[in-house]
Amino acid sequence: MLSGMRKTYDAAFKAKVAFEAAKGEKTITQIASEFSVHPNQIRLWRKHLIEQLPDLFSGRRPQQEKAREEIEAELYQQIGQLKMELEWLKKKSRTLLSR
């Protein structure tokens, strides 16, 4: 493997390693050597896991997704309106220039 290339890990692997670190049965160093991952990376994944756990049980995710969808719908509506206004202005400018 080239030294300049970064390894990429899928979400299931990250979750497995982070969960193992959160359990606390092994040291970070032991987990790092077992899974061939740098200890700092494991600490980051564990921190992310612990920060995200409350959201799993709060029910905020569907609300956040709904809010995001509403914002997207509003933005698409504005885009459509701006496109129509642009076309109208293009037509008007052509008629004014042709006089």
Protein backbone atom coordinates (compact mmCIF):
# COMPACT_ATOMS: atom_id res chain seq x y z
CA MET A 1 0.00 0.00 0.00
CA LEU A 2 1.28 3.48 -0.82
CA SER A 3 2.27 5.57 2.17
CA GLY A 4 0.33 8.62 0.96
CA MET A 5 -3.04 6.89 0.73
CA ARG A 6 -5.51 7.07 3.58
CA LYS A 7 -7.51 4.13 4.75
CA THR A 8 -11.25 4.43 4.64
CA TYR A 9 -13.54 2.55 6.97
CA ASP A 10 -17.23 1.86 6.58
CA ALA A 11 -19.77 2.94 9.19
CA ALA A 12 -20.28 -0.58 10.56
CA PHE A 13 -16.56 -0.98 11.26
CA LYS A 14 -16.37 2.44 12.94
CA ALA A 15 -19.39 1.61 15.09
CA LYS A 16 -17.90 -1.73 16.09
CA VAL A 17 -14.57 -0.20 17.10
CA ALA A 18 -16.19 2.76 18.88
CA PHE A 19 -18.53 0.46 20.78
CA GLU A 20 -15.60 -1.72 21.81
CA ALA A 21 -13.81 1.38 23.10
CA ALA A 22 -16.92 2.64 24.90
CA LYS A 23 -17.35 -0.68 26.71
CA GLY A 24 -14.06 -0.08 28.48
CA GLU A 25 -13.11 -3.75 28.74
CA LYS A 26 -9.89 -3.18 26.79
CA THR A 27 -7.53 -0.25 26.58
CA ILE A 28 -7.52 1.98 23.53
CA THR A 29 -4.05 0.65 22.71
CA GLN A 30 -5.27 -2.94 22.76
CA ILE A 31 -8.21 -2.09 20.52
CA ALA A 32 -5.92 -0.15 18.17
CA SER A 33 -3.61 -3.12 17.71
CA GLU A 34 -6.53 -5.53 17.35
CA PHE A 35 -8.25 -3.53 14.60
CA SER A 36 -5.12 -1.86 13.11
CA VAL A 37 -6.45 1.63 13.69
CA HIS A 38 -4.60 4.56 15.25
CA PRO A 39 -5.56 5.17 18.90
CA ASN A 40 -6.43 8.82 18.24
CA GLN A 41 -8.90 7.73 15.57
CA ILE A 42 -10.54 5.33 18.01
CA ARG A 43 -10.83 8.12 20.58
CA LEU A 44 -12.56 10.33 18.00
CA TRP A 45 -14.99 7.58 17.01
CA ARG A 46 -15.76 6.83 20.67
CA LYS A 47 -16.35 10.53 21.37
CA HIS A 48 -18.66 10.78 18.37
CA LEU A 49 -20.56 7.67 19.50
CA ILE A 50 -21.07 9.01 23.00
CA GLU A 51 -22.19 12.42 21.69
CA GLN A 52 -24.70 10.89 19.26
CA LEU A 53 -26.25 8.30 21.60
CA PRO A 54 -28.78 10.66 23.24
CA ASP A 55 -30.12 11.66 19.82
CA LEU A 56 -30.98 8.04 19.07
CA PHE A 57 -33.53 8.03 21.85
CA SER A 58 -34.72 11.64 21.74
CA GLY A 59 -36.83 11.45 18.59
CA ARG A 60 -35.24 14.64 17.27
CA ARG A 61 -33.99 13.07 14.07
CA PRO A 62 -37.39 12.85 12.38
CA GLN A 63 -38.08 16.44 13.41
CA GLN A 64 -34.76 17.58 12.02
CA GLU A 65 -35.41 15.74 8.76
CA LYS A 66 -38.88 17.29 8.49
CA ALA A 67 -37.45 20.76 9.08
CA ARG A 68 -34.78 20.14 6.44
CA GLU A 69 -37.40 18.98 3.93
CA GLU A 70 -39.49 22.09 4.60
CA ILE A 71 -36.49 24.33 4.03
CA GLU A 72 -35.63 22.48 0.81
CA ALA A 73 -39.20 22.83 -0.45
CA GLU A 74 -39.14 26.56 0.26
CA LEU A 75 -35.80 26.96 -1.49
CA TYR A 76 -37.02 25.03 -4.56
CA GLN A 77 -40.09 27.27 -4.65
CA GLN A 78 -37.87 30.37 -4.54
CA ILE A 79 -35.67 28.95 -7.32
CA GLY A 80 -38.72 28.37 -9.48
CA GLN A 81 -40.00 31.87 -8.84
CA LEU A 82 -36.62 33.41 -9.65
CA LYS A 83 -36.41 31.41 -12.89
CA MET A 84 -39.82 32.68 -13.95
CA GLU A 85 -38.86 36.28 -13.11
CA LEU A 86 -35.63 35.90 -15.05
CA GLU A 87 -37.47 34.62 -18.13
CA TRP A 88 -39.95 37.50 -17.86
CA LEU A 89 -37.09 40.01 -17.63
CA LYS A 90 -35.36 38.45 -20.63
CA LYS A 91 -38.55 38.77 -22.71
CA LYS A 92 -39.08 42.36 -21.61
CA SER A 93 -35.50 43.31 -22.38
CA ARG A 94 -35.79 41.81 -25.88
CA THR A 95 -38.96 43.78 -26.59
CA LEU A 96 -37.42 47.01 -25.32
CA LEU A 97 -34.23 46.49 -27.33
CA SER A 98 -36.12 45.70 -30.54
CA ARG A 99 -37.93 49.08 -30.49
